[in-house]
Amino acid sequence: MPETVQIQAPDGDLPALRFAPSSPNGAGVVVVQEIFGVSDYIVGRCQNLADEGYVVYAPILYDRLPEKPVLDPSSPDYLTQGMTASRGLDWETAARDVVAAVATLRAESGTEKVGLLGFCFGGGLAFNVAALTDVDALVSYYGSALPRLLDLAPQVTAPQLHHWGTRDSFIEGPAQGEAREALATSPGTVQWEVYEGAGHAFDNNQVPFHHPTASAAAWPVTLGFFASHLLGRAPNE
């Protein structure tokens, strides 16, 4: 079970869930939430990483909102709930919070390298944060804000992995193509993975957009990418 820790950030302390591995591998990952917050799905992915040996932080970004949203995955307006909550969050504040989470995790004894993993809202935010502070690897799943952040590409020095679906109705093919072209100006390597028939949020098993085949294909790629760049070993080692 995760514990709740406090991150000292410029805008005041922020809670985060910390997942401790039973067999630490010497690296950590900050996981940045979707619009649905640090949901059961996000908690599950954090635990997946902890099972691989990573120390994992999941900052609870919605704690900054005046009224903490209560999101119900079973509700027919779950998507609207999430979009409303994310629109109430100040982007720059959230970016500073994630930067602080990276710094806090990196300061932990025995944590030699730190990666970022973001989904949807968090995928774009993680990219923004990678332009603001040094990280050792960045993985973004269908980063919804990426098209408006492309001018930051030259500032992202970390190796990047981006996951996209061919049927993403939020970031369609032409916008994905423009983003891929712009990211070619990044100093670090850029890996771009596309999944046929998958839409936006295809990895989230709590929403109708879930695409089990794409989700199952993408996760080993994510683990392999982190193994390579955070642990310095081949994916199958």
C-alpha atoms as a PDB file:
ATOM      1  CA  MET A   1       0.000   0.000   0.000  1.00  0.00           C
ATOM      2  CA  PRO A   2       1.273   3.500  -0.739  1.00  0.00           C
ATOM      3  CA  GLU A   3       1.956   6.073   1.942  1.00  0.00           C
ATOM      4  CA  THR A   4       1.099   9.759   1.712  1.00  0.00           C
ATOM      5  CA  VAL A   5       4.078  12.112   1.809  1.00  0.00           C
ATOM      6  CA  GLN A   6       4.283  15.896   1.638  1.00  0.00           C
ATOM      7  CA  ILE A   7       6.220  17.581  -1.161  1.00  0.00           C
ATOM      8  CA  GLN A   8       7.631  21.014  -0.449  1.00  0.00           C
ATOM      9  CA  ALA A   9       6.653  23.041  -3.522  1.00  0.00           C
ATOM     10  CA  PRO A  10       6.809  26.785  -4.305  1.00  0.00           C
ATOM     11  CA  ASP A  11       3.051  27.149  -3.866  1.00  0.00           C
ATOM     12  CA  GLY A  12       2.936  25.283  -0.567  1.00  0.00           C
ATOM     13  CA  ASP A  13       3.142  21.667   0.509  1.00  0.00           C
ATOM     14  CA  LEU A  14       1.409  19.144  -1.741  1.00  0.00           C
ATOM     15  CA  PRO A  15       0.514  15.548  -0.868  1.00  0.00           C
ATOM     16  CA  ALA A  16       1.718  12.707  -3.025  1.00  0.00           C
ATOM     17  CA  LEU A  17       1.353   8.956  -2.883  1.00  0.00           C
ATOM     18  CA  ARG A  18       4.678   7.184  -2.467  1.00  0.00           C
ATOM     19  CA  PHE A  19       5.016   3.559  -3.541  1.00  0.00           C
ATOM     20  CA  ALA A  20       7.977   1.682  -2.076  1.00  0.00           C
ATOM     21  CA  PRO A  21       9.292  -1.373  -3.927  1.00  0.00           C
ATOM     22  CA  SER A  22      10.143  -4.523  -2.022  1.00  0.00           C
ATOM     23  CA  SER A  23      13.371  -4.816  -4.025  1.00  0.00           C
ATOM     24  CA  PRO A  24      14.559  -1.311  -5.012  1.00  0.00           C
ATOM     25  CA  ASN A  25      16.412  -1.061  -8.306  1.00  0.00           C
ATOM     26  CA  GLY A  26      18.022   2.330  -7.617  1.00  0.00           C
ATOM     27  CA  ALA A  27      15.686   4.450  -9.736  1.00  0.00           C
ATOM     28  CA  GLY A  28      12.400   6.301  -9.340  1.00  0.00           C
ATOM     29  CA  VAL A  29       9.477   7.482 -11.430  1.00  0.00           C
ATOM     30  CA  VAL A  30       7.103  10.404 -10.936  1.00  0.00           C
ATOM     31  CA  VAL A  31       3.688   9.509 -12.362  1.00  0.00           C
ATOM     32  CA  VAL A  32       1.536  12.438 -13.511  1.00  0.00           C
ATOM     33  CA  GLN A  33      -2.220  11.922 -13.392  1.00  0.00           C
ATOM     34  CA  GLU A  34      -4.889  12.076 -16.069  1.00  0.00           C
ATOM     35  CA  ILE A  35      -7.833  14.460 -15.863  1.00  0.00           C
ATOM     36  CA  PHE A  36      -9.441  11.903 -13.549  1.00  0.00           C
ATOM     37  CA  GLY A  37      -6.865  12.545 -10.835  1.00  0.00           C
ATOM     38  CA  VAL A  38      -4.893   9.914  -8.967  1.00  0.00           C
ATOM     39  CA  SER A  39      -7.560   7.334  -9.708  1.00  0.00           C
ATOM     40  CA  ASP A  40      -7.549   3.600  -9.057  1.00  0.00           C
ATOM     41  CA  TYR A  41      -6.157   3.197 -12.568  1.00  0.00           C
ATOM     42  CA  ILE A  42      -3.236   5.552 -11.864  1.00  0.00           C
ATOM     43  CA  VAL A  43      -2.628   3.836  -8.522  1.00  0.00           C
ATOM     44  CA  GLY A  44      -2.521   0.530 -10.388  1.00  0.00           C
ATOM     45  CA  ARG A  45       0.100   1.768 -12.827  1.00  0.00           C
ATOM     46  CA  CYS A  46       2.157   3.169  -9.944  1.00  0.00           C
ATOM     47  CA  GLN A  47       2.047  -0.217  -8.257  1.00  0.00           C
ATOM     48  CA  ASN A  48       3.061  -1.893 -11.518  1.00  0.00           C
ATOM     49  CA  LEU A  49       6.198   0.259 -11.530  1.00  0.00           C
ATOM     50  CA  ALA A  50       6.894  -0.392  -7.845  1.00  0.00           C
ATOM     51  CA  ASP A  51       6.660  -4.120  -8.573  1.00  0.00           C
ATOM     52  CA  GLU A  52       9.503  -3.564 -11.058  1.00  0.00           C
ATOM     53  CA  GLY A  53      11.655  -2.040  -8.313  1.00  0.00           C
ATOM     54  CA  TYR A  54      11.038   1.688  -8.811  1.00  0.00           C
ATOM     55  CA  VAL A  55      10.256   4.149  -6.041  1.00  0.00           C
ATOM     56  CA  VAL A  56       7.152   5.920  -7.349  1.00  0.00           C
ATOM     57  CA  TYR A  57       5.617   9.286  -6.523  1.00  0.00           C
ATOM     58  CA  ALA A  58       2.149  10.308  -7.691  1.00  0.00           C
ATOM     59  CA  PRO A  59       1.536  13.983  -6.781  1.00  0.00           C
ATOM     60  CA  ILE A  60      -2.114  14.664  -5.966  1.00  0.00           C
ATOM     61  CA  LEU A  61      -2.416  17.750  -8.136  1.00  0.00           C
ATOM     62  CA  TYR A  62      -6.120  18.286  -7.484  1.00  0.00           C
ATOM     63  CA  ASP A  63      -5.301  19.066  -3.869  1.00  0.00           C
ATOM     64  CA  ARG A  64      -4.672  22.625  -5.133  1.00  0.00           C
ATOM     65  CA  LEU A  65      -8.336  23.072  -6.074  1.00  0.00           C
ATOM     66  CA  PRO A  66     -10.527  25.027  -3.613  1.00  0.00           C
ATOM     67  CA  GLU A  67     -13.008  22.167  -3.655  1.00  0.00           C
ATOM     68  CA  LYS A  68     -11.560  18.672  -4.001  1.00  0.00           C
ATOM     69  CA  PRO A  69     -13.396  16.885  -6.818  1.00  0.00           C
ATOM     70  CA  VAL A  70     -15.009  13.530  -6.198  1.00  0.00           C
ATOM     71  CA  LEU A  71     -14.911  11.664  -9.498  1.00  0.00           C
ATOM     72  CA  ASP A  72     -17.110   8.639 -10.067  1.00  0.00           C
ATOM     73  CA  PRO A  73     -15.993   6.237 -12.840  1.00  0.00           C
ATOM     74  CA  SER A  74     -19.446   4.645 -12.858  1.00  0.00           C
ATOM     75  CA  SER A  75     -21.167   7.957 -13.623  1.00  0.00           C
ATOM     76  CA  PRO A  76     -22.234   8.678 -17.225  1.00  0.00           C
ATOM     77  CA  ASP A  77     -20.685  12.146 -16.922  1.00  0.00           C
ATOM     78  CA  TYR A  78     -17.316  10.876 -15.652  1.00  0.00           C
ATOM     79  CA  LEU A  79     -15.509  12.476 -18.597  1.00  0.00           C
ATOM     80  CA  THR A  80     -17.203  15.823 -17.917  1.00  0.00           C
ATOM     81  CA  GLN A  81     -16.269  15.567 -14.250  1.00  0.00           C
ATOM     82  CA  GLY A  82     -12.634  15.072 -15.165  1.00  0.00           C
ATOM     83  CA  MET A  83     -12.546  17.849 -17.738  1.00  0.00           C
ATOM     84  CA  THR A  84     -14.137  20.272 -15.297  1.00  0.00           C
ATOM     85  CA  ALA A  85     -11.604  19.420 -12.610  1.00  0.00           C
ATOM     86  CA  SER A  86      -8.603  19.733 -14.930  1.00  0.00           C
ATOM     87  CA  ARG A  87      -9.773  23.117 -16.235  1.00  0.00           C
ATOM     88  CA  GLY A  88      -9.838  24.424 -12.681  1.00  0.00           C
ATOM     89  CA  LEU A  89      -6.180  23.547 -12.155  1.00  0.00           C
ATOM     90  CA  ASP A  90      -3.597  26.240 -12.854  1.00  0.00           C
ATOM     91  CA  TRP A  91      -1.149  24.767 -15.371  1.00  0.00           C
ATOM     92  CA  GLU A  92       1.931  26.656 -14.174  1.00  0.00           C
ATOM     93  CA  THR A  93       1.254  25.716 -10.560  1.00  0.00           C
ATOM     94  CA  ALA A  94       0.854  22.074 -11.541  1.00  0.00           C
ATOM     95  CA  ALA A  95       4.141  22.184 -13.454  1.00  0.00           C
ATOM     96  CA  ARG A  96       5.944  23.606 -10.424  1.00  0.00           C
ATOM     97  CA  ASP A  97       4.395  20.895  -8.267  1.00  0.00           C
ATOM     98  CA  VAL A  98       5.672  18.133 -10.538  1.00  0.00           C
ATOM     99  CA  VAL A  99       9.125  19.743 -10.712  1.00  0.00           C
ATOM    100  CA  ALA A 100       9.147  19.675  -6.898  1.00  0.00           C
ATOM    101  CA  ALA A 101       8.092  16.017  -6.902  1.00  0.00           C
ATOM    102  CA  VAL A 102      10.997  15.176  -9.210  1.00  0.00           C
ATOM    103  CA  ALA A 103      13.425  17.007  -6.915  1.00  0.00           C
ATOM    104  CA  THR A 104      12.046  15.297  -3.802  1.00  0.00           C
ATOM    105  CA  LEU A 105      12.277  11.842  -5.344  1.00  0.00           C
ATOM    106  CA  ARG A 106      15.784  12.482  -6.667  1.00  0.00           C
ATOM    107  CA  ALA A 107      16.877  13.512  -3.165  1.00  0.00           C
ATOM    108  CA  GLU A 108      15.890  10.139  -1.717  1.00  0.00           C
ATOM    109  CA  SER A 109      18.843   8.031  -0.661  1.00  0.00           C
ATOM    110  CA  GLY A 110      19.576   5.305  -3.192  1.00  0.00           C
ATOM    111  CA  THR A 111      17.623   6.909  -6.040  1.00  0.00           C
ATOM    112  CA  GLU A 112      20.195   7.484  -8.763  1.00  0.00           C
ATOM    113  CA  LYS A 113      17.939   8.286 -11.713  1.00  0.00           C
ATOM    114  CA  VAL A 114      14.395   9.626 -12.044  1.00  0.00           C
ATOM    115  CA  GLY A 115      11.916   9.278 -14.889  1.00  0.00           C
ATOM    116  CA  LEU A 116       8.579  10.910 -15.675  1.00  0.00           C
ATOM    117  CA  LEU A 117       5.457   9.080 -16.791  1.00  0.00           C
ATOM    118  CA  GLY A 118       2.316  10.994 -17.714  1.00  0.00           C
ATOM    119  CA  PHE A 119      -1.085  10.069 -19.104  1.00  0.00           C
ATOM    120  CA  CYS A 120      -3.383  12.372 -21.123  1.00  0.00           C
ATOM    121  CA  PHE A 121      -3.356  15.670 -19.192  1.00  0.00           C
ATOM    122  CA  GLY A 122      -0.340  14.312 -17.353  1.00  0.00           C
ATOM    123  CA  GLY A 123       1.402  13.347 -20.581  1.00  0.00           C
ATOM    124  CA  GLY A 124       1.500  16.952 -21.733  1.00  0.00           C
ATOM    125  CA  LEU A 125       2.347  18.210 -18.258  1.00  0.00           C
ATOM    126  CA  ALA A 126       5.215  15.728 -17.951  1.00  0.00           C
ATOM    127  CA  PHE A 127       6.622  16.981 -21.263  1.00  0.00           C
ATOM    128  CA  ASN A 128       6.426  20.559 -19.976  1.00  0.00           C
ATOM    129  CA  VAL A 129       8.177  19.561 -16.749  1.00  0.00           C
ATOM    130  CA  ALA A 130      10.941  17.800 -18.693  1.00  0.00           C
ATOM    131  CA  ALA A 131      11.646  21.168 -20.316  1.00  0.00           C
ATOM    132  CA  LEU A 132      11.904  22.846 -16.890  1.00  0.00           C
ATOM    133  CA  THR A 133      14.074  20.376 -14.987  1.00  0.00           C
ATOM    134  CA  ASP A 134      16.460  17.529 -15.671  1.00  0.00           C
ATOM    135  CA  VAL A 135      14.976  14.063 -15.805  1.00  0.00           C
ATOM    136  CA  ASP A 136      16.555  10.883 -17.063  1.00  0.00           C
ATOM    137  CA  ALA A 137      13.639   9.623 -19.152  1.00  0.00           C
ATOM    138  CA  LEU A 138      10.180  10.812 -20.213  1.00  0.00           C
ATOM    139  CA  VAL A 139       7.242   8.618 -21.189  1.00  0.00           C
ATOM    140  CA  SER A 140       4.057  10.314 -22.359  1.00  0.00           C
ATOM    141  CA  TYR A 141       0.812   8.553 -23.196  1.00  0.00           C
ATOM    142  CA  TYR A 142      -1.290  10.616 -25.635  1.00  0.00           C
ATOM    143  CA  GLY A 143      -0.238  13.951 -24.153  1.00  0.00           C
ATOM    144  CA  SER A 144      -3.293  16.101 -24.770  1.00  0.00           C
ATOM    145  CA  ALA A 145      -1.493  19.439 -24.362  1.00  0.00           C
ATOM    146  CA  LEU A 146       1.507  18.453 -26.474  1.00  0.00           C
ATOM    147  CA  PRO A 147       0.446  20.337 -29.640  1.00  0.00           C
ATOM    148  CA  ARG A 148       0.527  23.670 -27.794  1.00  0.00           C
ATOM    149  CA  LEU A 149       3.865  22.925 -26.105  1.00  0.00           C
ATOM    150  CA  LEU A 150       5.967  22.156 -29.150  1.00  0.00           C
ATOM    151  CA  ASP A 151       8.077  25.291 -28.794  1.00  0.00           C
ATOM    152  CA  LEU A 152       9.551  23.615 -25.695  1.00  0.00           C
ATOM    153  CA  ALA A 153      10.989  20.738 -27.749  1.00  0.00           C
ATOM    154  CA  PRO A 154      14.554  22.141 -27.878  1.00  0.00           C
ATOM    155  CA  GLN A 155      14.574  22.318 -24.072  1.00  0.00           C
ATOM    156  CA  VAL A 156      13.713  18.652 -23.483  1.00  0.00           C
ATOM    157  CA  THR A 157      17.064  16.925 -23.213  1.00  0.00           C
ATOM    158  CA  ALA A 158      15.817  13.619 -21.792  1.00  0.00           C
ATOM    159  CA  PRO A 159      15.126  10.637 -24.043  1.00  0.00           C
ATOM    160  CA  GLN A 160      11.408  10.537 -24.822  1.00  0.00           C
ATOM    161  CA  LEU A 161       8.833   7.854 -25.559  1.00  0.00           C
ATOM    162  CA  HIS A 162       5.382   8.847 -26.847  1.00  0.00           C
ATOM    163  CA  HIS A 163       2.407   6.491 -27.199  1.00  0.00           C
ATOM    164  CA  TRP A 164      -0.483   7.337 -29.557  1.00  0.00           C
ATOM    165  CA  GLY A 165      -3.537   5.652 -31.027  1.00  0.00           C
ATOM    166  CA  THR A 166      -4.518   5.990 -34.678  1.00  0.00           C
ATOM    167  CA  ARG A 167      -8.118   6.789 -33.677  1.00  0.00           C
ATOM    168  CA  ASP A 168      -7.375   9.467 -31.102  1.00  0.00           C
ATOM    169  CA  SER A 169     -10.275  11.894 -31.565  1.00  0.00           C
ATOM    170  CA  PHE A 170      -8.668  14.518 -29.296  1.00  0.00           C
ATOM    171  CA  ILE A 171      -5.275  14.620 -31.023  1.00  0.00           C
ATOM    172  CA  GLU A 172      -5.900  13.393 -34.545  1.00  0.00           C
ATOM    173  CA  GLY A 173      -3.407  12.187 -37.130  1.00  0.00           C
ATOM    174  CA  PRO A 174      -2.326  15.557 -38.604  1.00  0.00           C
ATOM    175  CA  ALA A 175      -1.716  17.034 -35.136  1.00  0.00           C
ATOM    176  CA  GLN A 176       0.239  13.933 -34.150  1.00  0.00           C
ATOM    177  CA  GLY A 177       2.326  14.298 -37.292  1.00  0.00           C
ATOM    178  CA  GLU A 178       3.102  17.938 -36.546  1.00  0.00           C
ATOM    179  CA  ALA A 179       4.111  17.027 -33.004  1.00  0.00           C
ATOM    180  CA  ARG A 180       6.373  14.240 -34.182  1.00  0.00           C
ATOM    181  CA  GLU A 181       8.082  16.555 -36.654  1.00  0.00           C
ATOM    182  CA  ALA A 182       8.553  19.281 -34.027  1.00  0.00           C
ATOM    183  CA  LEU A 183      10.003  16.858 -31.499  1.00  0.00           C
ATOM    184  CA  ALA A 184      12.754  16.016 -33.958  1.00  0.00           C
ATOM    185  CA  THR A 185      14.390  19.251 -32.772  1.00  0.00           C
ATOM    186  CA  SER A 186      14.741  17.836 -29.245  1.00  0.00           C
ATOM    187  CA  PRO A 187      18.331  17.234 -28.121  1.00  0.00           C
ATOM    188  CA  GLY A 188      17.464  13.783 -26.774  1.00  0.00           C
ATOM    189  CA  THR A 189      16.255  10.722 -28.619  1.00  0.00           C
ATOM    190  CA  VAL A 190      12.549  10.484 -29.427  1.00  0.00           C
ATOM    191  CA  GLN A 191      10.699   7.171 -29.748  1.00  0.00           C
ATOM    192  CA  TRP A 192       7.196   7.339 -31.232  1.00  0.00           C
ATOM    193  CA  GLU A 193       4.835   4.382 -30.924  1.00  0.00           C
ATOM    194  CA  VAL A 194       1.463   4.210 -32.676  1.00  0.00           C
ATOM    195  CA  TYR A 195      -1.281   1.634 -32.037  1.00  0.00           C
ATOM    196  CA  GLU A 196      -3.756   0.784 -34.768  1.00  0.00           C
ATOM    197  CA  GLY A 197      -7.397   1.275 -33.840  1.00  0.00           C
ATOM    198  CA  ALA A 198      -6.692   2.739 -30.401  1.00  0.00           C
ATOM    199  CA  GLY A 199      -8.241   6.010 -29.293  1.00  0.00           C
ATOM    200  CA  HIS A 200      -7.393   8.549 -26.628  1.00  0.00           C
ATOM    201  CA  ALA A 201      -6.909   7.162 -23.097  1.00  0.00           C
ATOM    202  CA  PHE A 202      -6.523   3.660 -24.517  1.00  0.00           C
ATOM    203  CA  ASP A 203      -4.512   2.506 -21.494  1.00  0.00           C
ATOM    204  CA  ASN A 204      -7.165   3.425 -18.917  1.00  0.00           C
ATOM    205  CA  ASN A 205      -9.180   0.334 -18.007  1.00  0.00           C
ATOM    206  CA  GLN A 206     -11.832   2.437 -16.208  1.00  0.00           C
ATOM    207  CA  VAL A 207     -13.181   4.248 -19.261  1.00  0.00           C
ATOM    208  CA  PRO A 208     -14.935   3.179 -22.474  1.00  0.00           C
ATOM    209  CA  PHE A 209     -11.894   4.299 -24.492  1.00  0.00           C
ATOM    210  CA  HIS A 210      -9.850   1.402 -23.128  1.00  0.00           C
ATOM    211  CA  HIS A 211      -8.195  -0.621 -25.874  1.00  0.00           C
ATOM    212  CA  PRO A 212      -6.906  -3.822 -24.242  1.00  0.00           C
ATOM    213  CA  THR A 213      -4.686  -4.825 -27.153  1.00  0.00           C
ATOM    214  CA  ALA A 214      -2.955  -1.453 -27.399  1.00  0.00           C
ATOM    215  CA  SER A 215      -2.645  -1.219 -23.622  1.00  0.00           C
ATOM    216  CA  ALA A 216      -1.056  -4.658 -23.414  1.00  0.00           C
ATOM    217  CA  ALA A 217       1.354  -3.809 -26.231  1.00  0.00           C
ATOM    218  CA  ALA A 218       2.383  -0.385 -24.888  1.00  0.00           C
ATOM    219  CA  TRP A 219       3.195  -1.258 -21.283  1.00  0.00           C
ATOM    220  CA  PRO A 220       6.152  -3.586 -22.008  1.00  0.00           C
ATOM    221  CA  VAL A 221       7.550  -0.867 -24.290  1.00  0.00           C
ATOM    222  CA  THR A 222       7.289   1.586 -21.394  1.00  0.00           C
ATOM    223  CA  LEU A 223       9.033  -0.803 -19.016  1.00  0.00           C
ATOM    224  CA  GLY A 224      11.742  -1.500 -21.560  1.00  0.00           C
ATOM    225  CA  PHE A 225      12.323   2.193 -22.128  1.00  0.00           C
ATOM    226  CA  PHE A 226      12.706   2.862 -18.408  1.00  0.00           C
ATOM    227  CA  ALA A 227      14.954  -0.184 -17.995  1.00  0.00           C
ATOM    228  CA  SER A 228      17.217   1.127 -20.728  1.00  0.00           C
ATOM    229  CA  HIS A 229      17.427   4.755 -19.635  1.00  0.00           C
ATOM    230  CA  LEU A 230      17.034   4.519 -15.867  1.00  0.00           C
ATOM    231  CA  LEU A 231      18.755   1.208 -15.174  1.00  0.00           C
ATOM    232  CA  GLY A 232      21.162   0.995 -18.116  1.00  0.00           C
ATOM    233  CA  ARG A 233      20.111  -2.462 -19.154  1.00  0.00           C
ATOM    234  CA  ALA A 234      18.392  -4.125 -22.066  1.00  0.00           C
ATOM    235  CA  PRO A 235      14.582  -4.490 -21.738  1.00  0.00           C
ATOM    236  CA  ASN A 236      14.721  -8.284 -21.404  1.00  0.00           C
ATOM    237  CA  GLU A 237      17.431  -8.393 -18.733  1.00  0.00           C
END
